[in-house]
């Protein structure tokens, strides 16, 4: 693999940390969204399909 010789320096690590930090707008939007376990299950939200007349 080509990445085996990759050297992570302190500067590279700090840049990666800064890039991965959410912006203020992203953080506020995430705070307004309900948590995954607070939302109903996906199949419970979807209305049941009418199978229609049987052939």
Protein backbone atom coordinates (compact mmCIF):
# COMPACT_ATOMS: atom_id res chain seq x y z
CA UNK A 1 0.00 0.00 0.00
CA UNK A 2 1.19 3.49 -0.76
CA UNK A 3 -0.06 4.95 2.53
CA UNK A 4 2.21 2.80 4.71
CA UNK A 5 5.01 5.34 4.40
CA UNK A 6 2.77 8.35 5.11
CA UNK A 7 4.16 10.51 7.91
CA UNK A 8 1.66 12.48 9.98
CA UNK A 9 3.28 15.61 11.33
CA UNK A 10 1.92 17.83 14.09
CA UNK A 11 0.99 20.50 11.53
CA UNK A 12 -0.91 17.95 9.42
CA UNK A 13 -2.78 16.70 12.47
CA UNK A 14 -3.75 20.22 13.55
CA UNK A 15 -4.99 21.07 10.04
CA UNK A 16 -7.09 17.91 9.94
CA UNK A 17 -8.57 18.76 13.34
CA UNK A 18 -9.50 22.28 12.22
CA UNK A 19 -11.08 21.08 8.98
CA UNK A 20 -13.18 18.47 10.77
CA UNK A 21 -14.58 21.01 13.24
CA UNK A 22 -18.14 22.04 12.29
CA UNK A 23 -18.96 25.67 11.60
CA UNK A 24 -21.21 27.59 13.97
CA UNK A 25 -24.13 27.27 11.52
CA UNK A 26 -23.63 23.51 11.19
CA UNK A 27 -23.47 23.11 14.96
CA UNK A 28 -26.68 25.12 15.48
CA UNK A 29 -28.49 23.11 12.80
CA UNK A 30 -27.41 19.87 14.43
CA UNK A 31 -28.60 21.11 17.82
CA UNK A 32 -32.08 21.79 16.37
CA UNK A 33 -32.42 18.33 14.77
CA UNK A 34 -33.87 15.54 16.92
CA UNK A 35 -31.54 12.75 17.91
CA UNK A 36 -31.79 9.47 16.01
CA UNK A 37 -33.40 7.65 18.94
CA UNK A 38 -35.96 10.45 19.35
CA UNK A 39 -37.30 9.97 15.82
CA UNK A 40 -39.84 7.31 14.85
CA UNK A 41 -38.52 4.35 12.91
CA UNK A 42 -38.33 4.86 9.16
CA UNK A 43 -40.79 2.04 8.37
CA UNK A 44 -43.27 3.43 10.93
CA UNK A 45 -43.25 6.85 9.25
CA UNK A 46 -43.86 5.48 5.77
CA UNK A 47 -47.56 4.91 4.98
CA UNK A 48 -48.47 1.36 4.10
CA UNK A 49 -48.97 0.78 0.39
CA UNK A 50 -52.32 -0.48 -0.81
CA UNK A 51 -51.62 -3.74 -2.63
CA UNK A 52 -54.60 -3.11 -4.92
CA UNK A 53 -56.96 -5.74 -6.26
CA UNK A 54 -55.63 -9.28 -6.30
CA UNK A 55 -55.34 -10.88 -9.73
